[in-house]
Structures are given as structure tokens and as C-alpha cells.
mmCIF file of all heavy atoms, coordinates in Angstrom:
data_MODEL
# 
_entry.id   MODEL 
# 
loop_
_atom_site.group_PDB 
_atom_site.id 
_atom_site.type_symbol 
_atom_site.label_atom_id 
_atom_site.label_alt_id 
_atom_site.label_comp_id 
_atom_site.label_asym_id 
_atom_site.label_entity_id 
_atom_site.label_seq_id 
_atom_site.pdbx_PDB_ins_code 
_atom_site.Cartn_x 
_atom_site.Cartn_y 
_atom_site.Cartn_z 
_atom_site.occupancy 
_atom_site.B_iso_or_equiv 
_atom_site.pdbx_formal_charge 
_atom_site.auth_seq_id 
_atom_site.auth_comp_id 
_atom_site.auth_asym_id 
_atom_site.auth_atom_id 
_atom_site.pdbx_PDB_model_num 
ATOM 1   N N   . ASN A 1 1  ? 5.891   -17.340 15.075 1.00 0.00 ? 1  ASN A N   1 
ATOM 2   C CA  . ASN A 1 1  ? 4.676   -18.268 14.912 1.00 0.00 ? 1  ASN A CA  1 
ATOM 3   C C   . ASN A 1 1  ? 3.927   -17.909 13.614 1.00 0.00 ? 1  ASN A C   1 
ATOM 4   O O   . ASN A 1 1  ? 2.850   -18.559 13.439 1.00 0.00 ? 1  ASN A O   1 
ATOM 5   C CB  . ASN A 1 1  ? 3.780   -18.018 16.122 1.00 0.00 ? 1  ASN A CB  1 
ATOM 6   C CG  . ASN A 1 1  ? 4.292   -18.848 17.313 1.00 0.00 ? 1  ASN A CG  1 
ATOM 7   O OD1 . ASN A 1 1  ? 4.018   -20.021 17.580 1.00 0.00 ? 1  ASN A OD1 1 
ATOM 8   N ND2 . ASN A 1 1  ? 5.142   -18.151 18.250 1.00 0.00 ? 1  ASN A ND2 1 
ATOM 9   N N   . PHE A 1 2  ? 4.376   -16.897 12.947 1.00 0.00 ? 2  PHE A N   1 
ATOM 10  C CA  . PHE A 1 2  ? 3.475   -16.493 11.773 1.00 0.00 ? 2  PHE A CA  1 
ATOM 11  C C   . PHE A 1 2  ? 3.271   -17.440 10.680 1.00 0.00 ? 2  PHE A C   1 
ATOM 12  O O   . PHE A 1 2  ? 2.173   -17.696 10.267 1.00 0.00 ? 2  PHE A O   1 
ATOM 13  C CB  . PHE A 1 2  ? 4.024   -15.169 11.180 1.00 0.00 ? 2  PHE A CB  1 
ATOM 14  C CG  . PHE A 1 2  ? 3.057   -14.577 10.146 1.00 0.00 ? 2  PHE A CG  1 
ATOM 15  C CD1 . PHE A 1 2  ? 1.797   -14.041 10.606 1.00 0.00 ? 2  PHE A CD1 1 
ATOM 16  C CD2 . PHE A 1 2  ? 3.226   -14.604 8.802  1.00 0.00 ? 2  PHE A CD2 1 
ATOM 17  C CE1 . PHE A 1 2  ? 0.914   -13.583 9.771  1.00 0.00 ? 2  PHE A CE1 1 
ATOM 18  C CE2 . PHE A 1 2  ? 2.332   -14.127 7.900  1.00 0.00 ? 2  PHE A CE2 1 
ATOM 19  C CZ  . PHE A 1 2  ? 1.265   -13.586 8.377  1.00 0.00 ? 2  PHE A CZ  1 
ATOM 20  N N   . PRO A 1 3  ? 4.331   -18.293 10.449 1.00 0.00 ? 3  PRO A N   1 
ATOM 21  C CA  . PRO A 1 3  ? 3.993   -19.394 9.369  1.00 0.00 ? 3  PRO A CA  1 
ATOM 22  C C   . PRO A 1 3  ? 2.822   -20.321 9.807  1.00 0.00 ? 3  PRO A C   1 
ATOM 23  O O   . PRO A 1 3  ? 2.081   -20.746 8.853  1.00 0.00 ? 3  PRO A O   1 
ATOM 24  C CB  . PRO A 1 3  ? 5.355   -20.120 9.281  1.00 0.00 ? 3  PRO A CB  1 
ATOM 25  C CG  . PRO A 1 3  ? 6.399   -19.026 9.728  1.00 0.00 ? 3  PRO A CG  1 
ATOM 26  C CD  . PRO A 1 3  ? 5.723   -18.270 10.702 1.00 0.00 ? 3  PRO A CD  1 
ATOM 27  N N   . ARG A 1 4  ? 2.809   -20.580 11.013 1.00 0.00 ? 4  ARG A N   1 
ATOM 28  C CA  . ARG A 1 4  ? 1.654   -21.337 11.469 1.00 0.00 ? 4  ARG A CA  1 
ATOM 29  C C   . ARG A 1 4  ? 0.319   -20.577 11.461 1.00 0.00 ? 4  ARG A C   1 
ATOM 30  O O   . ARG A 1 4  ? -0.574  -21.167 10.995 1.00 0.00 ? 4  ARG A O   1 
ATOM 31  C CB  . ARG A 1 4  ? 1.934   -21.880 12.969 1.00 0.00 ? 4  ARG A CB  1 
ATOM 32  C CG  . ARG A 1 4  ? 0.729   -22.708 13.602 1.00 0.00 ? 4  ARG A CG  1 
ATOM 33  C CD  . ARG A 1 4  ? 0.983   -22.897 15.204 1.00 0.00 ? 4  ARG A CD  1 
ATOM 34  N NE  . ARG A 1 4  ? 1.343   -21.761 15.840 1.00 0.00 ? 4  ARG A NE  1 
ATOM 35  C CZ  . ARG A 1 4  ? 0.306   -21.081 16.439 1.00 0.00 ? 4  ARG A CZ  1 
ATOM 36  N NH1 . ARG A 1 4  ? -0.868  -21.183 16.149 1.00 0.00 ? 4  ARG A NH1 1 
ATOM 37  N NH2 . ARG A 1 4  ? 0.675   -19.877 17.180 1.00 0.00 ? 4  ARG A NH2 1 
ATOM 38  N N   . ILE A 1 5  ? 0.425   -19.350 11.966 1.00 0.00 ? 5  ILE A N   1 
ATOM 39  C CA  . ILE A 1 5  ? -0.951  -18.572 11.931 1.00 0.00 ? 5  ILE A CA  1 
ATOM 40  C C   . ILE A 1 5  ? -1.420  -18.389 10.436 1.00 0.00 ? 5  ILE A C   1 
ATOM 41  O O   . ILE A 1 5  ? -2.595  -18.405 10.237 1.00 0.00 ? 5  ILE A O   1 
ATOM 42  C CB  . ILE A 1 5  ? -0.545  -17.154 12.488 1.00 0.00 ? 5  ILE A CB  1 
ATOM 43  C CG1 . ILE A 1 5  ? -0.159  -17.300 14.018 1.00 0.00 ? 5  ILE A CG1 1 
ATOM 44  C CG2 . ILE A 1 5  ? -1.552  -16.168 12.298 1.00 0.00 ? 5  ILE A CG2 1 
ATOM 45  C CD1 . ILE A 1 5  ? 0.501   -16.081 14.606 1.00 0.00 ? 5  ILE A CD1 1 
ATOM 46  N N   . LYS A 1 6  ? -0.456  -18.187 9.545  1.00 0.00 ? 6  LYS A N   1 
ATOM 47  C CA  . LYS A 1 6  ? -0.886  -18.091 7.962  1.00 0.00 ? 6  LYS A CA  1 
ATOM 48  C C   . LYS A 1 6  ? -1.467  -19.240 7.524  1.00 0.00 ? 6  LYS A C   1 
ATOM 49  O O   . LYS A 1 6  ? -2.046  -19.061 6.478  1.00 0.00 ? 6  LYS A O   1 
ATOM 50  C CB  . LYS A 1 6  ? 0.260   -17.572 7.317  1.00 0.00 ? 6  LYS A CB  1 
ATOM 51  C CG  . LYS A 1 6  ? 0.121   -17.025 5.884  1.00 0.00 ? 6  LYS A CG  1 
ATOM 52  C CD  . LYS A 1 6  ? 1.387   -16.467 5.310  1.00 0.00 ? 6  LYS A CD  1 
ATOM 53  C CE  . LYS A 1 6  ? 1.056   -16.063 3.846  1.00 0.00 ? 6  LYS A CE  1 
ATOM 54  N NZ  . LYS A 1 6  ? 0.651   -17.079 2.872  1.00 0.00 ? 6  LYS A NZ  1 
ATOM 55  N N   . LYS A 1 7  ? -1.386  -20.472 8.136  1.00 0.00 ? 7  LYS A N   1 
ATOM 56  C CA  . LYS A 1 7  ? -1.960  -21.631 7.499  1.00 0.00 ? 7  LYS A CA  1 
ATOM 57  C C   . LYS A 1 7  ? -3.440  -21.588 7.594  1.00 0.00 ? 7  LYS A C   1 
ATOM 58  O O   . LYS A 1 7  ? -4.096  -22.202 6.783  1.00 0.00 ? 7  LYS A O   1 
ATOM 59  C CB  . LYS A 1 7  ? -1.416  -22.910 8.324  1.00 0.00 ? 7  LYS A CB  1 
ATOM 60  C CG  . LYS A 1 7  ? 0.029   -23.206 7.939  1.00 0.00 ? 7  LYS A CG  1 
ATOM 61  C CD  . LYS A 1 7  ? 0.438   -24.393 8.662  1.00 0.00 ? 7  LYS A CD  1 
ATOM 62  C CE  . LYS A 1 7  ? 1.849   -24.815 8.264  1.00 0.00 ? 7  LYS A CE  1 
ATOM 63  N NZ  . LYS A 1 7  ? 2.480   -26.027 9.008  1.00 0.00 ? 7  LYS A NZ  1 
ATOM 64  N N   . ALA A 1 8  ? -4.075  -20.785 8.482  1.00 0.00 ? 8  ALA A N   1 
ATOM 65  C CA  . ALA A 1 8  ? -5.533  -20.633 8.449  1.00 0.00 ? 8  ALA A CA  1 
ATOM 66  C C   . ALA A 1 8  ? -5.960  -20.023 7.267  1.00 0.00 ? 8  ALA A C   1 
ATOM 67  O O   . ALA A 1 8  ? -5.360  -19.018 6.695  1.00 0.00 ? 8  ALA A O   1 
ATOM 68  C CB  . ALA A 1 8  ? -5.993  -19.819 9.615  1.00 0.00 ? 8  ALA A CB  1 
ATOM 69  N N   . HIS A 1 9  ? -6.948  -20.576 6.558  1.00 0.00 ? 9  HIS A N   1 
ATOM 70  C CA  . HIS A 1 9  ? -7.250  -20.080 5.157  1.00 0.00 ? 9  HIS A CA  1 
ATOM 71  C C   . HIS A 1 9  ? -7.588  -18.595 5.000  1.00 0.00 ? 9  HIS A C   1 
ATOM 72  O O   . HIS A 1 9  ? -7.315  -17.954 4.035  1.00 0.00 ? 9  HIS A O   1 
ATOM 73  C CB  . HIS A 1 9  ? -8.332  -21.001 4.529  1.00 0.00 ? 9  HIS A CB  1 
ATOM 74  C CG  . HIS A 1 9  ? -9.722  -20.745 5.140  1.00 0.00 ? 9  HIS A CG  1 
ATOM 75  N ND1 . HIS A 1 9  ? -10.123 -21.180 6.432  1.00 0.00 ? 9  HIS A ND1 1 
ATOM 76  C CD2 . HIS A 1 9  ? -10.679 -19.960 4.746  1.00 0.00 ? 9  HIS A CD2 1 
ATOM 77  C CE1 . HIS A 1 9  ? -11.353 -20.834 6.677  1.00 0.00 ? 9  HIS A CE1 1 
ATOM 78  N NE2 . HIS A 1 9  ? -11.706 -20.073 5.569  1.00 0.00 ? 9  HIS A NE2 1 
ATOM 79  N N   . GLN A 1 10 ? -8.221  -18.103 6.117  1.00 0.00 ? 10 GLN A N   1 
ATOM 80  C CA  . GLN A 1 10 ? -8.684  -16.591 6.015  1.00 0.00 ? 10 GLN A CA  1 
ATOM 81  C C   . GLN A 1 10 ? -7.440  -15.747 6.387  1.00 0.00 ? 10 GLN A C   1 
ATOM 82  O O   . GLN A 1 10 ? -7.565  -14.620 6.212  1.00 0.00 ? 10 GLN A O   1 
ATOM 83  C CB  . GLN A 1 10 ? -9.653  -16.420 7.159  1.00 0.00 ? 10 GLN A CB  1 
ATOM 84  C CG  . GLN A 1 10 ? -10.961 -17.064 6.756  1.00 0.00 ? 10 GLN A CG  1 
ATOM 85  C CD  . GLN A 1 10 ? -12.081 -16.598 7.648  1.00 0.00 ? 10 GLN A CD  1 
ATOM 86  O OE1 . GLN A 1 10 ? -12.341 -15.558 7.811  1.00 0.00 ? 10 GLN A OE1 1 
ATOM 87  N NE2 . GLN A 1 10 ? -12.946 -17.473 8.028  1.00 0.00 ? 10 GLN A NE2 1 
ATOM 88  N N   . ASN A 1 11 ? -6.299  -16.362 6.755  1.00 0.00 ? 11 ASN A N   1 
ATOM 89  C CA  . ASN A 1 11 ? -4.954  -15.510 6.897  1.00 0.00 ? 11 ASN A CA  1 
ATOM 90  C C   . ASN A 1 11 ? -4.001  -15.555 5.520  1.00 0.00 ? 11 ASN A C   1 
ATOM 91  O O   . ASN A 1 11 ? -2.932  -15.304 5.606  1.00 0.00 ? 11 ASN A O   1 
ATOM 92  C CB  . ASN A 1 11 ? -4.315  -15.920 8.139  1.00 0.00 ? 11 ASN A CB  1 
ATOM 93  C CG  . ASN A 1 11 ? -5.103  -15.729 9.440  1.00 0.00 ? 11 ASN A CG  1 
ATOM 94  O OD1 . ASN A 1 11 ? -5.885  -14.844 9.405  1.00 0.00 ? 11 ASN A OD1 1 
ATOM 95  N ND2 . ASN A 1 11 ? -4.812  -16.394 10.362 1.00 0.00 ? 11 ASN A ND2 1 
ATOM 96  N N   . TYR A 1 12 ? -4.557  -16.050 4.492  1.00 0.00 ? 12 TYR A N   1 
ATOM 97  C CA  . TYR A 1 12 ? -3.752  -16.283 3.255  1.00 0.00 ? 12 TYR A CA  1 
ATOM 98  C C   . TYR A 1 12 ? -3.075  -14.954 2.914  1.00 0.00 ? 12 TYR A C   1 
ATOM 99  O O   . TYR A 1 12 ? -1.924  -15.113 2.446  1.00 0.00 ? 12 TYR A O   1 
ATOM 100 C CB  . TYR A 1 12 ? -4.578  -16.895 2.140  1.00 0.00 ? 12 TYR A CB  1 
ATOM 101 C CG  . TYR A 1 12 ? -5.526  -15.772 1.575  1.00 0.00 ? 12 TYR A CG  1 
ATOM 102 C CD1 . TYR A 1 12 ? -5.175  -14.963 0.551  1.00 0.00 ? 12 TYR A CD1 1 
ATOM 103 C CD2 . TYR A 1 12 ? -6.772  -15.535 2.194  1.00 0.00 ? 12 TYR A CD2 1 
ATOM 104 C CE1 . TYR A 1 12 ? -6.045  -14.015 -0.007 1.00 0.00 ? 12 TYR A CE1 1 
ATOM 105 C CE2 . TYR A 1 12 ? -7.750  -14.634 1.602  1.00 0.00 ? 12 TYR A CE2 1 
ATOM 106 C CZ  . TYR A 1 12 ? -7.263  -13.826 0.575  1.00 0.00 ? 12 TYR A CZ  1 
ATOM 107 O OH  . TYR A 1 12 ? -8.098  -12.874 0.082  1.00 0.00 ? 12 TYR A OH  1 
ATOM 108 N N   . GLY A 1 13 ? -3.472  -13.806 3.159  1.00 0.00 ? 13 GLY A N   1 
ATOM 109 C CA  . GLY A 1 13 ? -2.920  -12.501 2.621  1.00 0.00 ? 13 GLY A CA  1 
ATOM 110 C C   . GLY A 1 13 ? -2.159  -12.012 3.708  1.00 0.00 ? 13 GLY A C   1 
ATOM 111 O O   . GLY A 1 13 ? -1.603  -10.906 3.584  1.00 0.00 ? 13 GLY A O   1 
ATOM 112 N N   . GLY A 1 14 ? -2.115  -12.693 5.004  1.00 0.00 ? 14 GLY A N   1 
ATOM 113 C CA  . GLY A 1 14 ? -1.413  -12.010 6.116  1.00 0.00 ? 14 GLY A CA  1 
ATOM 114 C C   . GLY A 1 14 ? -2.320  -11.641 7.248  1.00 0.00 ? 14 GLY A C   1 
ATOM 115 O O   . GLY A 1 14 ? -3.581  -12.059 7.129  1.00 0.00 ? 14 GLY A O   1 
ATOM 116 N N   . THR A 1 15 ? -1.972  -10.911 8.209  1.00 0.00 ? 15 THR A N   1 
ATOM 117 C CA  . THR A 1 15 ? -2.806  -10.546 9.430  1.00 0.00 ? 15 THR A CA  1 
ATOM 118 C C   . THR A 1 15 ? -2.678  -9.072  9.572  1.00 0.00 ? 15 THR A C   1 
ATOM 119 O O   . THR A 1 15 ? -1.514  -8.560  9.069  1.00 0.00 ? 15 THR A O   1 
ATOM 120 C CB  . THR A 1 15 ? -2.619  -11.285 10.674 1.00 0.00 ? 15 THR A CB  1 
ATOM 121 O OG1 . THR A 1 15 ? -1.267  -10.966 11.207 1.00 0.00 ? 15 THR A OG1 1 
ATOM 122 C CG2 . THR A 1 15 ? -2.768  -12.764 10.468 1.00 0.00 ? 15 THR A CG2 1 
ATOM 123 N N   . TYR A 1 16 ? -3.527  -8.437  10.190 1.00 0.00 ? 16 TYR A N   1 
ATOM 124 C CA  . TYR A 1 16 ? -3.417  -7.040  10.554 1.00 0.00 ? 16 TYR A CA  1 
ATOM 125 C C   . TYR A 1 16 ? -2.019  -6.772  11.384 1.00 0.00 ? 16 TYR A C   1 
ATOM 126 O O   . TYR A 1 16 ? -1.356  -5.814  11.133 1.00 0.00 ? 16 TYR A O   1 
ATOM 127 C CB  . TYR A 1 16 ? -4.566  -6.502  11.123 1.00 0.00 ? 16 TYR A CB  1 
ATOM 128 C CG  . TYR A 1 16 ? -5.742  -6.604  10.179 1.00 0.00 ? 16 TYR A CG  1 
ATOM 129 C CD1 . TYR A 1 16 ? -6.890  -7.310  10.606 1.00 0.00 ? 16 TYR A CD1 1 
ATOM 130 C CD2 . TYR A 1 16 ? -5.777  -6.049  8.897  1.00 0.00 ? 16 TYR A CD2 1 
ATOM 131 C CE1 . TYR A 1 16 ? -7.971  -7.534  9.729  1.00 0.00 ? 16 TYR A CE1 1 
ATOM 132 C CE2 . TYR A 1 16 ? -6.852  -6.364  8.083  1.00 0.00 ? 16 TYR A CE2 1 
ATOM 133 C CZ  . TYR A 1 16 ? -7.946  -7.000  8.550  1.00 0.00 ? 16 TYR A CZ  1 
ATOM 134 O OH  . TYR A 1 16 ? -9.054  -7.200  7.715  1.00 0.00 ? 16 TYR A OH  1 
ATOM 135 N N   . PHE A 1 17 ? -1.903  -7.520  12.403 1.00 0.00 ? 17 PHE A N   1 
ATOM 136 C CA  . PHE A 1 17 ? -0.773  -7.365  13.300 1.00 0.00 ? 17 PHE A CA  1 
ATOM 137 C C   . PHE A 1 17 ? 0.468   -7.535  12.601 1.00 0.00 ? 17 PHE A C   1 
ATOM 138 O O   . PHE A 1 17 ? 1.509   -6.846  12.852 1.00 0.00 ? 17 PHE A O   1 
ATOM 139 C CB  . PHE A 1 17 ? -0.980  -8.272  14.491 1.00 0.00 ? 17 PHE A CB  1 
ATOM 140 C CG  . PHE A 1 17 ? 0.132   -7.773  15.611 1.00 0.00 ? 17 PHE A CG  1 
ATOM 141 C CD1 . PHE A 1 17 ? -0.045  -6.596  16.214 1.00 0.00 ? 17 PHE A CD1 1 
ATOM 142 C CD2 . PHE A 1 17 ? 1.165   -8.697  15.997 1.00 0.00 ? 17 PHE A CD2 1 
ATOM 143 C CE1 . PHE A 1 17 ? 0.903   -6.385  17.274 1.00 0.00 ? 17 PHE A CE1 1 
ATOM 144 C CE2 . PHE A 1 17 ? 2.067   -8.417  16.972 1.00 0.00 ? 17 PHE A CE2 1 
ATOM 145 C CZ  . PHE A 1 17 ? 1.925   -7.086  17.571 1.00 0.00 ? 17 PHE A CZ  1 
ATOM 146 N N   . GLN A 1 18 ? 0.659   -8.506  11.572 1.00 0.00 ? 18 GLN A N   1 
ATOM 147 C CA  . GLN A 1 18 ? 1.859   -8.761  10.903 1.00 0.00 ? 18 GLN A CA  1 
ATOM 148 C C   . GLN A 1 18 ? 2.237   -7.650  10.051 1.00 0.00 ? 18 GLN A C   1 
ATOM 149 O O   . GLN A 1 18 ? 3.249   -7.138  9.953  1.00 0.00 ? 18 GLN A O   1 
ATOM 150 C CB  . GLN A 1 18 ? 1.624   -10.020 9.986  1.00 0.00 ? 18 GLN A CB  1 
ATOM 151 C CG  . GLN A 1 18 ? 2.849   -10.392 9.193  1.00 0.00 ? 18 GLN A CG  1 
ATOM 152 C CD  . GLN A 1 18 ? 2.717   -9.960  7.769  1.00 0.00 ? 18 GLN A CD  1 
ATOM 153 O OE1 . GLN A 1 18 ? 1.747   -9.661  7.219  1.00 0.00 ? 18 GLN A OE1 1 
ATOM 154 N NE2 . GLN A 1 18 ? 3.853   -9.939  7.101  1.00 0.00 ? 18 GLN A NE2 1 
ATOM 155 N N   . ARG A 1 19 ? 1.131   -6.903  9.456  1.00 0.00 ? 19 ARG A N   1 
ATOM 156 C CA  . ARG A 1 19 ? 1.358   -5.683  8.774  1.00 0.00 ? 19 ARG A CA  1 
ATOM 157 C C   . ARG A 1 19 ? 1.784   -4.616  9.600  1.00 0.00 ? 19 ARG A C   1 
ATOM 158 O O   . ARG A 1 19 ? 2.601   -3.721  9.179  1.00 0.00 ? 19 ARG A O   1 
ATOM 159 C CB  . ARG A 1 19 ? -0.034  -5.318  7.930  1.00 0.00 ? 19 ARG A CB  1 
ATOM 160 C CG  . ARG A 1 19 ? -0.601  -6.228  6.994  1.00 0.00 ? 19 ARG A CG  1 
ATOM 161 C CD  . ARG A 1 19 ? 0.194   -6.039  5.564  1.00 0.00 ? 19 ARG A CD  1 
ATOM 162 N NE  . ARG A 1 19 ? -0.265  -6.980  4.491  1.00 0.00 ? 19 ARG A NE  1 
ATOM 163 C CZ  . ARG A 1 19 ? -1.054  -6.632  3.456  1.00 0.00 ? 19 ARG A CZ  1 
ATOM 164 N NH1 . ARG A 1 19 ? -1.531  -5.433  3.366  1.00 0.00 ? 19 ARG A NH1 1 
ATOM 165 N NH2 . ARG A 1 19 ? -1.392  -7.501  2.614  1.00 0.00 ? 19 ARG A NH2 1 
ATOM 166 N N   . LEU A 1 20 ? 1.294   -4.536  10.723 1.00 0.00 ? 20 LEU A N   1 
ATOM 167 C CA  . LEU A 1 20 ? 1.787   -3.429  11.728 1.00 0.00 ? 20 LEU A CA  1 
ATOM 168 C C   . LEU A 1 20 ? 3.190   -3.567  12.125 1.00 0.00 ? 20 LEU A C   1 
ATOM 169 O O   . LEU A 1 20 ? 3.834   -2.486  12.360 1.00 0.00 ? 20 LEU A O   1 
ATOM 170 C CB  . LEU A 1 20 ? 0.769   -3.394  12.946 1.00 0.00 ? 20 LEU A CB  1 
ATOM 171 C CG  . LEU A 1 20 ? -0.676  -2.895  12.732 1.00 0.00 ? 20 LEU A CG  1 
ATOM 172 C CD1 . LEU A 1 20 ? -1.513  -3.221  13.918 1.00 0.00 ? 20 LEU A CD1 1 
ATOM 173 C CD2 . LEU A 1 20 ? -0.717  -1.485  12.395 1.00 0.00 ? 20 LEU A CD2 1 
ATOM 174 N N   . ILE A 1 21 ? 3.654   -4.703  12.314 1.00 0.00 ? 21 ILE A N   1 
ATOM 175 C CA  . ILE A 1 21 ? 5.000   -4.884  12.875 1.00 0.00 ? 21 ILE A CA  1 
ATOM 176 C C   . ILE A 1 21 ? 6.042   -5.314  11.848 1.00 0.00 ? 21 ILE A C   1 
ATOM 177 O O   . ILE A 1 21 ? 7.178   -5.350  12.076 1.00 0.00 ? 21 ILE A O   1 
ATOM 178 C CB  . ILE A 1 21 ? 5.115   -5.970  14.059 1.00 0.00 ? 21 ILE A CB  1 
ATOM 179 C CG1 . ILE A 1 21 ? 4.706   -7.420  13.632 1.00 0.00 ? 21 ILE A CG1 1 
ATOM 180 C CG2 . ILE A 1 21 ? 4.069   -5.473  15.212 1.00 0.00 ? 21 ILE A CG2 1 
ATOM 181 C CD1 . ILE A 1 21 ? 4.921   -8.484  14.569 1.00 0.00 ? 21 ILE A CD1 1 
ATOM 182 N N   . SER A 1 22 ? 5.454   -5.479  10.605 1.00 0.00 ? 22 SER A N   1 
ATOM 183 C CA  . SER A 1 22 ? 6.496   -5.932  9.570  1.00 0.00 ? 22 SER A CA  1 
ATOM 184 C C   . SER A 1 22 ? 5.996   -5.625  8.132  1.00 0.00 ? 22 SER A C   1 
ATOM 185 O O   . SER A 1 22 ? 5.857   -6.390  7.277  1.00 0.00 ? 22 SER A O   1 
ATOM 186 C CB  . SER A 1 22 ? 6.803   -7.493  9.665  1.00 0.00 ? 22 SER A CB  1 
ATOM 187 O OG  . SER A 1 22 ? 7.753   -7.879  8.740  1.00 0.00 ? 22 SER A OG  1 
ATOM 188 N N   . PHE A 1 23 ? 5.510   -4.356  8.060  1.00 0.00 ? 23 PHE A N   1 
ATOM 189 C CA  . PHE A 1 23 ? 4.997   -3.836  6.747  1.00 0.00 ? 23 PHE A CA  1 
ATOM 190 C C   . PHE A 1 23 ? 5.826   -3.867  5.734  1.00 0.00 ? 23 PHE A C   1 
ATOM 191 O O   . PHE A 1 23 ? 7.226   -3.597  5.802  1.00 0.00 ? 23 PHE A O   1 
ATOM 192 C CB  . PHE A 1 23 ? 4.461   -2.467  7.009  1.00 0.00 ? 23 PHE A CB  1 
ATOM 193 C CG  . PHE A 1 23 ? 3.581   -1.874  5.822  1.00 0.00 ? 23 PHE A CG  1 
ATOM 194 C CD1 . PHE A 1 23 ? 2.264   -2.251  5.806  1.00 0.00 ? 23 PHE A CD1 1 
ATOM 195 C CD2 . PHE A 1 23 ? 4.133   -1.201  4.787  1.00 0.00 ? 23 PHE A CD2 1 
ATOM 196 C CE1 . PHE A 1 23 ? 1.502   -1.835  4.722  1.00 0.00 ? 23 PHE A CE1 1 
ATOM 197 C CE2 . PHE A 1 23 ? 3.379   -0.724  3.847  1.00 0.00 ? 23 PHE A CE2 1 
ATOM 198 C CZ  . PHE A 1 23 ? 2.119   -1.021  3.670  1.00 0.00 ? 23 PHE A CZ  1 
ATOM 199 N N   . ASN A 1 24 ? 5.546   -4.336  4.502  1.00 0.00 ? 24 ASN A N   1 
ATOM 200 C CA  . ASN A 1 24 ? 6.387   -4.392  3.369  1.00 0.00 ? 24 ASN A CA  1 
ATOM 201 C C   . ASN A 1 24 ? 7.406   -5.415  3.342  1.00 0.00 ? 24 ASN A C   1 
ATOM 202 O O   . ASN A 1 24 ? 8.662   -5.286  2.944  1.00 0.00 ? 24 ASN A O   1 
ATOM 203 C CB  . ASN A 1 24 ? 6.985   -3.070  3.058  1.00 0.00 ? 24 ASN A CB  1 
ATOM 204 C CG  . ASN A 1 24 ? 7.727   -2.872  1.730  1.00 0.00 ? 24 ASN A CG  1 
ATOM 205 O OD1 . ASN A 1 24 ? 7.407   -3.570  0.808  1.00 0.00 ? 24 ASN A OD1 1 
ATOM 206 N ND2 . ASN A 1 24 ? 8.789   -1.940  1.577  1.00 0.00 ? 24 ASN A ND2 1 
ATOM 207 N N   . SER A 1 25 ? 7.125   -6.469  4.003  1.00 0.00 ? 25 SER A N   1 
ATOM 208 C CA  . SER A 1 25 ? 8.041   -7.598  4.178  1.00 0.00 ? 25 SER A CA  1 
ATOM 209 C C   . SER A 1 25 ? 7.462   -8.879  3.474  1.00 0.00 ? 25 SER A C   1 
ATOM 210 O O   . SER A 1 25 ? 6.360   -8.917  2.992  1.00 0.00 ? 25 SER A O   1 
ATOM 211 C CB  . SER A 1 25 ? 8.292   -7.912  5.591  1.00 0.00 ? 25 SER A CB  1 
ATOM 212 O OG  . SER A 1 25 ? 7.106   -8.651  6.227  1.00 0.00 ? 25 SER A OG  1 
ATOM 213 N N   . THR A 1 26 ? 8.408   -9.846  3.319  1.00 0.00 ? 26 THR A N   1 
ATOM 214 C CA  . THR A 1 26 ? 7.845   -11.192 2.876  1.00 0.00 ? 26 THR A CA  1 
ATOM 215 C C   . THR A 1 26 ? 7.099   -11.647 4.222  1.00 0.00 ? 26 THR A C   1 
ATOM 216 O O   . THR A 1 26 ? 7.259   -11.261 5.283  1.00 0.00 ? 26 THR A O   1 
ATOM 217 C CB  . THR A 1 26 ? 8.861   -12.195 2.603  1.00 0.00 ? 26 THR A CB  1 
ATOM 218 O OG1 . THR A 1 26 ? 9.877   -12.216 3.759  1.00 0.00 ? 26 THR A OG1 1 
ATOM 219 C CG2 . THR A 1 26 ? 9.781   -11.741 1.377  1.00 0.00 ? 26 THR A CG2 1 
ATOM 220 N N   . TYR A 1 27 ? 6.079   -12.682 3.911  1.00 0.00 ? 27 TYR A N   1 
ATOM 221 C CA  . TYR A 1 27 ? 5.159   -13.043 4.995  1.00 0.00 ? 27 TYR A CA  1 
ATOM 222 C C   . TYR A 1 27 ? 5.751   -13.821 6.195  1.00 0.00 ? 27 TYR A C   1 
ATOM 223 O O   . TYR A 1 27 ? 5.183   -14.021 7.188  1.00 0.00 ? 27 TYR A O   1 
ATOM 224 C CB  . TYR A 1 27 ? 4.091   -14.002 4.263  1.00 0.00 ? 27 TYR A CB  1 
ATOM 225 C CG  . TYR A 1 27 ? 3.172   -13.216 3.437  1.00 0.00 ? 27 TYR A CG  1 
ATOM 226 C CD1 . TYR A 1 27 ? 2.715   -13.650 2.227  1.00 0.00 ? 27 TYR A CD1 1 
ATOM 227 C CD2 . TYR A 1 27 ? 2.674   -11.925 3.901  1.00 0.00 ? 27 TYR A CD2 1 
ATOM 228 C CE1 . TYR A 1 27 ? 1.827   -12.890 1.396  1.00 0.00 ? 27 TYR A CE1 1 
ATOM 229 C CE2 . TYR A 1 27 ? 1.807   -11.215 3.008  1.00 0.00 ? 27 TYR A CE2 1 
ATOM 230 C CZ  . TYR A 1 27 ? 1.370   -11.690 1.796  1.00 0.00 ? 27 TYR A CZ  1 
ATOM 231 O OH  . TYR A 1 27 ? 0.498   -10.967 1.083  1.00 0.00 ? 27 TYR A OH  1 
ATOM 232 N N   . ASN A 1 28 ? 7.050   -14.318 6.034  1.00 0.00 ? 28 ASN A N   1 
ATOM 233 C CA  . ASN A 1 28 ? 7.568   -15.052 7.101  1.00 0.00 ? 28 ASN A CA  1 
ATOM 234 C C   . ASN A 1 28 ? 8.903   -14.470 7.570  1.00 0.00 ? 28 ASN A C   1 
ATOM 235 O O   . ASN A 1 28 ? 9.786   -15.140 8.189  1.00 0.00 ? 28 ASN A O   1 
ATOM 236 C CB  . ASN A 1 28 ? 7.879   -16.501 6.604  1.00 0.00 ? 28 ASN A CB  1 
ATOM 237 C CG  . ASN A 1 28 ? 8.804   -16.544 5.328  1.00 0.00 ? 28 ASN A CG  1 
ATOM 238 O OD1 . ASN A 1 28 ? 9.225   -15.503 4.887  1.00 0.00 ? 28 ASN A OD1 1 
ATOM 239 N ND2 . ASN A 1 28 ? 9.119   -17.689 5.043  1.00 0.00 ? 28 ASN A ND2 1 
ATOM 240 N N   . SER A 1 29 ? 9.139   -13.121 7.432  1.00 0.00 ? 29 SER A N   1 
ATOM 241 C CA  . SER A 1 29 ? 10.401  -12.432 7.938  1.00 0.00 ? 29 SER A CA  1 
ATOM 242 C C   . SER A 1 29 ? 9.995   -11.307 8.748  1.00 0.00 ? 29 SER A C   1 
ATOM 243 O O   . SER A 1 29 ? 8.898   -10.862 8.805  1.00 0.00 ? 29 SER A O   1 
ATOM 244 C CB  . SER A 1 29 ? 11.120  -12.117 6.671  1.00 0.00 ? 29 SER A CB  1 
ATOM 245 O OG  . SER A 1 29 ? 10.641  -10.930 6.196  1.00 0.00 ? 29 SER A OG  1 
# 
């Protein structure tokens, strides 16, 4: 669901949970 979540303008750089479960990745993998 992250590609949808990232569409919110304040999530342009990612989210904290995305960094926690997929650190050092592309934003949609």
C-alpha cells in the first residue's frame, strides 16, 4: 500500500514505518 500512502504530500520523503521495515530501499520496494 505504500505507493498510495506516499501520494499524500507530507509523505513525499517516505514515512517512519517505511524506514523501519525497509531502510535503505527504494520507496516502493
